[in-house]
């Protein structure tokens, strides 16, 4: 659900079909990121979530 949330928000600017990002943001130059909608970005989003989770919880890091 977290991955889908961020992919839809950053990819199309909507959540559940409702426009979330206001028009004023687009007027300042924001452009929807079409790459976020593509399937490989789901894998990258999961990797970022794991990275953040492991950086915050030191017990999950592997020791050499």
PDB file of N, CA and C in Angstrom:
ATOM      1  N   UNK A   1       0.821  -1.188   0.000  1.00  0.00           N
ATOM      2  CA  UNK A   1       0.000   0.000   0.000  1.00  0.00           C
ATOM      3  C   UNK A   1       0.874   1.263   0.000  1.00  0.00           C
ATOM      4  N   UNK A   2       1.980   1.210   0.713  1.00  0.00           N
ATOM      5  CA  UNK A   2       2.869   2.369   0.771  1.00  0.00           C
ATOM      6  C   UNK A   2       3.471   2.641  -0.600  1.00  0.00           C
ATOM      7  N   UNK A   3       3.876   1.572  -1.274  1.00  0.00           N
ATOM      8  CA  UNK A   3       4.474   1.713  -2.606  1.00  0.00           C
ATOM      9  C   UNK A   3       3.441   2.284  -3.574  1.00  0.00           C
ATOM     10  N   UNK A   4       2.247   1.753  -3.553  1.00  0.00           N
ATOM     11  CA  UNK A   4       1.191   2.232  -4.450  1.00  0.00           C
ATOM     12  C   UNK A   4       0.854   3.692  -4.168  1.00  0.00           C
ATOM     13  N   UNK A   5       0.844   4.067  -2.897  1.00  0.00           N
ATOM     14  CA  UNK A   5       0.557   5.452  -2.511  1.00  0.00           C
ATOM     15  C   UNK A   5       1.545   6.416  -3.150  1.00  0.00           C
ATOM     16  N   UNK A   6       2.837   6.138  -2.958  1.00  0.00           N
ATOM     17  CA  UNK A   6       3.856   7.049  -3.481  1.00  0.00           C
ATOM     18  C   UNK A   6       3.938   7.005  -5.003  1.00  0.00           C
ATOM     19  N   UNK A   7       3.732   5.840  -5.604  1.00  0.00           N
ATOM     20  CA  UNK A   7       3.795   5.761  -7.063  1.00  0.00           C
ATOM     21  C   UNK A   7       2.673   6.565  -7.696  1.00  0.00           C
ATOM     22  N   UNK A   8       1.465   6.459  -7.139  1.00  0.00           N
ATOM     23  CA  UNK A   8       0.346   7.197  -7.723  1.00  0.00           C
ATOM     24  C   UNK A   8       0.462   8.693  -7.444  1.00  0.00           C
ATOM     25  N   UNK A   9       0.884   9.043  -6.239  1.00  0.00           N
ATOM     26  CA  UNK A   9       0.997  10.458  -5.887  1.00  0.00           C
ATOM     27  C   UNK A   9       2.040  11.164  -6.740  1.00  0.00           C
ATOM     28  N   UNK A  10       3.234  10.590  -6.837  1.00  0.00           N
ATOM     29  CA  UNK A  10       4.305  11.239  -7.592  1.00  0.00           C
ATOM     30  C   UNK A  10       4.184  11.004  -9.095  1.00  0.00           C
ATOM     31  N   UNK A  11       3.539   9.917  -9.496  1.00  0.00           N
ATOM     32  CA  UNK A  11       3.421   9.600 -10.917  1.00  0.00           C
ATOM     33  C   UNK A  11       2.334  10.379 -11.633  1.00  0.00           C
ATOM     34  N   UNK A  12       1.187  10.536 -10.973  1.00  0.00           N
ATOM     35  CA  UNK A  12       0.093  11.220 -11.654  1.00  0.00           C
ATOM     36  C   UNK A  12      -0.490  12.394 -10.869  1.00  0.00           C
ATOM     37  N   UNK A  13      -0.068  12.557  -9.622  1.00  0.00           N
ATOM     38  CA  UNK A  13      -0.564  13.681  -8.820  1.00  0.00           C
ATOM     39  C   UNK A  13      -1.947  13.456  -8.257  1.00  0.00           C
ATOM     40  N   UNK A  14      -2.424  12.220  -8.271  1.00  0.00           N
ATOM     41  CA  UNK A  14      -3.759  11.916  -7.767  1.00  0.00           C
ATOM     42  C   UNK A  14      -3.689  10.802  -6.739  1.00  0.00           C
ATOM     43  N   UNK A  15      -4.748  10.684  -5.954  1.00  0.00           N
ATOM     44  CA  UNK A  15      -4.952   9.559  -5.053  1.00  0.00           C
ATOM     45  C   UNK A  15      -6.405   9.135  -5.190  1.00  0.00           C
ATOM     46  N   UNK A  16      -6.602   7.887  -5.578  1.00  0.00           N
ATOM     47  CA  UNK A  16      -7.944   7.330  -5.794  1.00  0.00           C
ATOM     48  C   UNK A  16      -8.752   8.162  -6.790  1.00  0.00           C
ATOM     49  N   UNK A  17      -8.074   8.720  -7.759  1.00  0.00           N
ATOM     50  CA  UNK A  17      -8.735   9.485  -8.799  1.00  0.00           C
ATOM     51  C   UNK A  17      -8.976  10.954  -8.469  1.00  0.00           C
ATOM     52  N   UNK A  18      -8.637  11.396  -7.275  1.00  0.00           N
ATOM     53  CA  UNK A  18      -8.822  12.785  -6.874  1.00  0.00           C
ATOM     54  C   UNK A  18      -7.501  13.530  -6.993  1.00  0.00           C
ATOM     55  N   UNK A  19      -7.550  14.720  -7.570  1.00  0.00           N
ATOM     56  CA  UNK A  19      -6.348  15.538  -7.732  1.00  0.00           C
ATOM     57  C   UNK A  19      -5.883  16.005  -6.359  1.00  0.00           C
ATOM     58  N   UNK A  20      -4.659  15.633  -5.977  1.00  0.00           N
ATOM     59  CA  UNK A  20      -4.127  15.962  -4.657  1.00  0.00           C
ATOM     60  C   UNK A  20      -3.165  17.140  -4.735  1.00  0.00           C
ATOM     61  N   UNK A  21      -2.336  17.156  -5.747  1.00  0.00           N
ATOM     62  CA  UNK A  21      -1.377  18.234  -5.898  1.00  0.00           C
ATOM     63  C   UNK A  21      -2.102  19.434  -6.496  1.00  0.00           C
ATOM     64  N   UNK A  22      -2.088  20.575  -5.797  1.00  0.00           N
ATOM     65  CA  UNK A  22      -2.843  21.736  -6.284  1.00  0.00           C
ATOM     66  C   UNK A  22      -2.252  22.322  -7.570  1.00  0.00           C
ATOM     67  N   UNK A  23      -3.085  23.019  -8.291  1.00  0.00           N
ATOM     68  CA  UNK A  23      -2.690  23.622  -9.564  1.00  0.00           C
ATOM     69  C   UNK A  23      -1.557  24.627  -9.379  1.00  0.00           C
ATOM     70  N   UNK A  24      -1.487  25.274  -8.226  1.00  0.00           N
ATOM     71  CA  UNK A  24      -0.440  26.262  -7.977  1.00  0.00           C
ATOM     72  C   UNK A  24       0.947  25.624  -8.036  1.00  0.00           C
ATOM     73  N   UNK A  25       1.055  24.371  -7.621  1.00  0.00           N
ATOM     74  CA  UNK A  25       2.342  23.667  -7.671  1.00  0.00           C
ATOM     75  C   UNK A  25       2.750  23.453  -9.125  1.00  0.00           C
ATOM     76  N   UNK A  26       1.797  23.110  -9.959  1.00  0.00           N
ATOM     77  CA  UNK A  26       2.077  22.937 -11.392  1.00  0.00           C
ATOM     78  C   UNK A  26       2.462  24.272 -12.035  1.00  0.00           C
ATOM     79  N   UNK A  27       1.863  25.353 -11.560  1.00  0.00           N
ATOM     80  CA  UNK A  27       2.185  26.678 -12.092  1.00  0.00           C
ATOM     81  C   UNK A  27       3.631  27.077 -11.775  1.00  0.00           C
ATOM     82  N   UNK A  28       4.180  26.568 -10.674  1.00  0.00           N
ATOM     83  CA  UNK A  28       5.573  26.843 -10.306  1.00  0.00           C
ATOM     84  C   UNK A  28       6.555  25.969 -11.059  1.00  0.00           C
ATOM     85  N   UNK A  29       6.058  25.031 -11.867  1.00  0.00           N
ATOM     86  CA  UNK A  29       6.951  24.241 -12.699  1.00  0.00           C
ATOM     87  C   UNK A  29       6.986  22.752 -12.398  1.00  0.00           C
ATOM     88  N   UNK A  30       6.189  22.267 -11.443  1.00  0.00           N
ATOM     89  CA  UNK A  30       6.181  20.835 -11.138  1.00  0.00           C
ATOM     90  C   UNK A  30       5.583  20.063 -12.311  1.00  0.00           C
ATOM     91  N   UNK A  31       6.206  18.945 -12.640  1.00  0.00           N
ATOM     92  CA  UNK A  31       5.719  18.077 -13.709  1.00  0.00           C
ATOM     93  C   UNK A  31       5.586  16.676 -13.120  1.00  0.00           C
ATOM     94  N   UNK A  32       4.475  15.999 -13.428  1.00  0.00           N
ATOM     95  CA  UNK A  32       4.298  14.629 -12.957  1.00  0.00           C
ATOM     96  C   UNK A  32       5.431  13.754 -13.472  1.00  0.00           C
ATOM     97  N   UNK A  33       5.878  12.839 -12.635  1.00  0.00           N
ATOM     98  CA  UNK A  33       6.978  11.955 -12.981  1.00  0.00           C
ATOM     99  C   UNK A  33       6.413  10.672 -13.583  1.00  0.00           C
ATOM    100  N   UNK A  34       6.409  10.580 -14.899  1.00  0.00           N
ATOM    101  CA  UNK A  34       5.868   9.417 -15.589  1.00  0.00           C
ATOM    102  C   UNK A  34       6.638   8.146 -15.318  1.00  0.00           C
ATOM    103  N   UNK A  35       7.896   8.278 -14.905  1.00  0.00           N
ATOM    104  CA  UNK A  35       8.707   7.102 -14.583  1.00  0.00           C
ATOM    105  C   UNK A  35       8.160   6.381 -13.353  1.00  0.00           C
ATOM    106  N   UNK A  36       7.521   7.097 -12.439  1.00  0.00           N
ATOM    107  CA  UNK A  36       6.986   6.474 -11.224  1.00  0.00           C
ATOM    108  C   UNK A  36       5.855   5.501 -11.528  1.00  0.00           C
ATOM    109  N   UNK A  37       5.172   5.674 -12.623  1.00  0.00           N
ATOM    110  CA  UNK A  37       4.045   4.816 -12.964  1.00  0.00           C
ATOM    111  C   UNK A  37       4.516   3.483 -13.548  1.00  0.00           C
ATOM    112  N   UNK A  38       5.718   3.438 -14.057  1.00  0.00           N
ATOM    113  CA  UNK A  38       6.227   2.227 -14.708  1.00  0.00           C
ATOM    114  C   UNK A  38       6.564   1.144 -13.666  1.00  0.00           C
ATOM    115  N   UNK A  39       6.422  -0.138 -14.035  1.00  0.00           N
ATOM    116  CA  UNK A  39       6.629  -1.247 -13.095  1.00  0.00           C
ATOM    117  C   UNK A  39       7.991  -1.294 -12.414  1.00  0.00           C
ATOM    118  N   UNK A  40       9.107  -0.975 -13.069  1.00  0.00           N
ATOM    119  CA  UNK A  40      10.384  -1.056 -12.351  1.00  0.00           C
ATOM    120  C   UNK A  40      10.472  -0.122 -11.143  1.00  0.00           C
ATOM    121  N   UNK A  41       9.709   0.936 -11.127  1.00  0.00           N
ATOM    122  CA  UNK A  41       9.763   1.858  -9.992  1.00  0.00           C
ATOM    123  C   UNK A  41       9.204   1.232  -8.730  1.00  0.00           C
ATOM    124  N   UNK A  42       8.335   0.218  -8.854  1.00  0.00           N
ATOM    125  CA  UNK A  42       7.842  -0.473  -7.660  1.00  0.00           C
ATOM    126  C   UNK A  42       8.996  -1.153  -6.949  1.00  0.00           C
ATOM    127  N   UNK A  43       9.875  -1.779  -7.698  1.00  0.00           N
ATOM    128  CA  UNK A  43      11.043  -2.435  -7.113  1.00  0.00           C
ATOM    129  C   UNK A  43      11.973  -1.411  -6.470  1.00  0.00           C
ATOM    130  N   UNK A  44      12.172  -0.295  -7.122  1.00  0.00           N
ATOM    131  CA  UNK A  44      13.034   0.750  -6.571  1.00  0.00           C
ATOM    132  C   UNK A  44      12.411   1.339  -5.307  1.00  0.00           C
ATOM    133  N   UNK A  45      11.098   1.523  -5.286  1.00  0.00           N
ATOM    134  CA  UNK A  45      10.426   2.045  -4.090  1.00  0.00           C
ATOM    135  C   UNK A  45      10.559   1.069  -2.925  1.00  0.00           C
ATOM    136  N   UNK A  46      10.406  -0.218  -3.179  1.00  0.00           N
ATOM    137  CA  UNK A  46      10.573  -1.223  -2.119  1.00  0.00           C
ATOM    138  C   UNK A  46      12.002  -1.194  -1.607  1.00  0.00           C
ATOM    139  N   UNK A  47      12.978  -1.071  -2.504  1.00  0.00           N
ATOM    140  CA  UNK A  47      14.382  -1.012  -2.094  1.00  0.00           C
ATOM    141  C   UNK A  47      14.639   0.207  -1.212  1.00  0.00           C
ATOM    142  N   UNK A  48      14.055   1.342  -1.545  1.00  0.00           N
ATOM    143  CA  UNK A  48      14.235   2.554  -0.732  1.00  0.00           C
ATOM    144  C   UNK A  48      13.587   2.382   0.640  1.00  0.00           C
ATOM    145  N   UNK A  49      12.430   1.746   0.685  1.00  0.00           N
ATOM    146  CA  UNK A  49      11.763   1.505   1.965  1.00  0.00           C
ATOM    147  C   UNK A  49      12.624   0.601   2.848  1.00  0.00           C
ATOM    148  N   UNK A  50      13.185  -0.459   2.274  1.00  0.00           N
ATOM    149  CA  UNK A  50      14.060  -1.359   3.026  1.00  0.00           C
ATOM    150  C   UNK A  50      15.302  -0.612   3.501  1.00  0.00           C
ATOM    151  N   UNK A  51      15.875   0.203   2.639  1.00  0.00           N
ATOM    152  CA  UNK A  51      17.074   0.967   2.990  1.00  0.00           C
ATOM    153  C   UNK A  51      16.805   1.903   4.171  1.00  0.00           C
ATOM    154  N   UNK A  52      15.687   2.636   4.116  1.00  0.00           N
ATOM    155  CA  UNK A  52      15.339   3.558   5.197  1.00  0.00           C
ATOM    156  C   UNK A  52      15.073   2.780   6.485  1.00  0.00           C
ATOM    157  N   UNK A  53      14.367   1.675   6.368  1.00  0.00           N
ATOM    158  CA  UNK A  53      14.048   0.861   7.545  1.00  0.00           C
ATOM    159  C   UNK A  53      15.315   0.325   8.202  1.00  0.00           C
ATOM    160  N   UNK A  54      16.243  -0.160   7.405  1.00  0.00           N
ATOM    161  CA  UNK A  54      17.494  -0.691   7.953  1.00  0.00           C
ATOM    162  C   UNK A  54      18.394   0.409   8.496  1.00  0.00           C
ATOM    163  N   UNK A  55      18.350   1.586   7.926  1.00  0.00           N
ATOM    164  CA  UNK A  55      19.192   2.669   8.444  1.00  0.00           C
ATOM    165  C   UNK A  55      18.667   3.196   9.780  1.00  0.00           C
ATOM    166  N   UNK A  56      17.373   3.084  10.002  1.00  0.00           N
ATOM    167  CA  UNK A  56      16.793   3.541  11.264  1.00  0.00           C
ATOM    168  C   UNK A  56      16.897   2.485  12.363  1.00  0.00           C
ATOM    169  N   UNK A  57      16.897   1.202  11.992  1.00  0.00           N
ATOM    170  CA  UNK A  57      16.957   0.116  12.959  1.00  0.00           C
ATOM    171  C   UNK A  57      18.284  -0.617  12.781  1.00  0.00           C
ATOM    172  N   UNK A  58      19.252  -0.302  13.624  1.00  0.00           N
ATOM    173  CA  UNK A  58      20.609  -0.848  13.481  1.00  0.00           C
ATOM    174  C   UNK A  58      20.664  -2.358  13.720  1.00  0.00           C
ATOM    175  N   UNK A  59      19.658  -2.958  14.370  1.00  0.00           N
ATOM    176  CA  UNK A  59      19.654  -4.402  14.603  1.00  0.00           C
ATOM    177  C   UNK A  59      19.453  -5.188  13.310  1.00  0.00           C
ATOM    178  N   UNK A  60      18.920  -4.562  12.276  1.00  0.00           N
ATOM    179  CA  UNK A  60      18.666  -5.262  11.015  1.00  0.00           C
ATOM    180  C   UNK A  60      19.872  -5.285  10.085  1.00  0.00           C
ATOM    181  N   UNK A  61      20.903  -4.542  10.418  1.00  0.00           N
ATOM    182  CA  UNK A  61      22.081  -4.490   9.550  1.00  0.00           C
ATOM    183  C   UNK A  61      22.925  -5.735   9.742  1.00  0.00           C
ATOM    184  N   UNK A  62      23.441  -6.248   8.634  1.00  0.00           N
ATOM    185  CA  UNK A  62      24.318  -7.423   8.677  1.00  0.00           C
ATOM    186  C   UNK A  62      25.722  -6.993   9.068  1.00  0.00           C
ATOM    187  N   UNK A  63      26.336  -7.815   9.893  1.00  0.00           N
ATOM    188  CA  UNK A  63      27.720  -7.521  10.292  1.00  0.00           C
ATOM    189  C   UNK A  63      28.677  -8.375   9.478  1.00  0.00           C
ATOM    190  N   UNK A  64      29.800  -7.813   9.144  1.00  0.00           N
ATOM    191  CA  UNK A  64      30.805  -8.544   8.365  1.00  0.00           C
ATOM    192  C   UNK A  64      31.769  -9.265   9.263  1.00  0.00           C
TER     193      UNK A  64
END
